[in-house]
C-alpha atoms as a PDB file:
ATOM      1  CA  MET A   1      34.069 188.925 -50.472  1.00  0.00           C
ATOM      2  CA  SER A   2      34.503 185.959 -48.319  1.00  0.00           C
ATOM      3  CA  LYS A   3      37.234 183.491 -48.746  1.00  0.00           C
ATOM      4  CA  LYS A   4      36.528 179.847 -48.830  1.00  0.00           C
ATOM      5  CA  ILE A   5      38.347 176.611 -46.807  1.00  0.00           C
ATOM      6  CA  GLN A   6      38.463 173.585 -48.574  1.00  0.00           C
ATOM      7  CA  ILE A   7      38.284 170.575 -46.738  1.00  0.00           C
ATOM      8  CA  TYR A   8      38.889 167.070 -47.857  1.00  0.00           C
ATOM      9  CA  SER A   9      38.385 164.062 -45.418  1.00  0.00           C
ATOM     10  CA  ASP A  10      38.453 160.361 -45.414  1.00  0.00           C
ATOM     11  CA  GLY A  11      38.595 157.236 -42.941  1.00  0.00           C
ATOM     12  CA  ALA A  12      39.326 153.550 -43.686  1.00  0.00           C
ATOM     13  CA  CYS A  13      39.864 150.519 -42.134  1.00  0.00           C
ATOM     14  CA  ARG A  14      41.230 146.979 -42.674  1.00  0.00           C
ATOM     15  CA  GLY A  15      38.726 144.356 -41.298  1.00  0.00           C
ATOM     16  CA  ASN A  16      35.493 145.565 -39.378  1.00  0.00           C
ATOM     17  CA  PRO A  17      36.593 146.035 -36.948  1.00  0.00           C
ATOM     18  CA  GLY A  18      40.367 146.311 -37.244  1.00  0.00           C
ATOM     19  CA  PRO A  19      43.177 148.567 -37.744  1.00  0.00           C
ATOM     20  CA  GLY A  20      42.088 152.131 -39.017  1.00  0.00           C
ATOM     21  CA  GLY A  21      42.876 155.821 -39.757  1.00  0.00           C
ATOM     22  CA  TRP A  22      41.501 159.167 -40.901  1.00  0.00           C
ATOM     23  CA  GLY A  23      43.003 162.065 -42.583  1.00  0.00           C
ATOM     24  CA  VAL A  24      41.924 165.632 -43.522  1.00  0.00           C
ATOM     25  CA  LEU A  25      43.633 168.261 -45.321  1.00  0.00           C
ATOM     26  CA  LEU A  26      42.454 171.805 -45.037  1.00  0.00           C
ATOM     27  CA  VAL A  27      43.534 174.038 -47.971  1.00  0.00           C
ATOM     28  CA  TYR A  28      43.107 177.935 -47.662  1.00  0.00           C
ATOM     29  CA  ASP A  29      44.783 180.046 -50.274  1.00  0.00           C
ATOM     30  CA  ASP A  30      47.955 178.746 -50.983  1.00  0.00           C
ATOM     31  CA  THR A  31      48.142 177.306 -47.313  1.00  0.00           C
ATOM     32  CA  GLU A  32      47.637 173.571 -46.622  1.00  0.00           C
ATOM     33  CA  LYS A  33      47.312 171.529 -43.049  1.00  0.00           C
ATOM     34  CA  GLU A  34      47.194 167.872 -42.710  1.00  0.00           C
ATOM     35  CA  ILE A  35      45.545 166.269 -39.576  1.00  0.00           C
ATOM     36  CA  TYR A  36      45.519 162.295 -39.072  1.00  0.00           C
ATOM     37  CA  GLY A  37      45.071 159.657 -36.887  1.00  0.00           C
ATOM     38  CA  GLY A  38      44.263 156.048 -36.362  1.00  0.00           C
ATOM     39  CA  GLU A  39      43.015 153.541 -33.843  1.00  0.00           C
ATOM     40  CA  LEU A  40      44.171 149.694 -33.381  1.00  0.00           C
ATOM     41  CA  GLU A  41      40.705 148.318 -33.024  1.00  0.00           C
ATOM     42  CA  THR A  42      37.894 150.641 -35.170  1.00  0.00           C
ATOM     43  CA  THR A  43      35.323 150.381 -37.714  1.00  0.00           C
ATOM     44  CA  ASN A  44      35.319 152.021 -41.296  1.00  0.00           C
ATOM     45  CA  ASN A  45      32.440 154.125 -40.204  1.00  0.00           C
ATOM     46  CA  ARG A  46      34.148 155.644 -37.039  1.00  0.00           C
ATOM     47  CA  MET A  47      37.168 156.702 -39.175  1.00  0.00           C
ATOM     48  CA  GLU A  48      35.247 158.163 -41.698  1.00  0.00           C
ATOM     49  CA  LEU A  49      33.169 160.101 -38.973  1.00  0.00           C
ATOM     50  CA  MET A  50      36.294 161.187 -36.883  1.00  0.00           C
ATOM     51  CA  ALA A  51      37.716 162.769 -40.188  1.00  0.00           C
ATOM     52  CA  ALA A  52      34.716 164.862 -40.690  1.00  0.00           C
ATOM     53  CA  ILE A  53      34.360 165.632 -37.150  1.00  0.00           C
ATOM     54  CA  VAL A  54      38.152 166.941 -36.534  1.00  0.00           C
ATOM     55  CA  GLY A  55      38.165 168.616 -39.988  1.00  0.00           C
END
């Protein structure tokens, strides 16, 4: 039986364009890993996509 990795992702920005960030939480059994980043001048769509791509 194969095990599953759960991926939670989100991205947001203030203004459009404006400063924004993205984050991803990877969950595998009892292990969690957070990955995140941001940009000074971006859009909400770019941050949402960044989270999905990195995750």
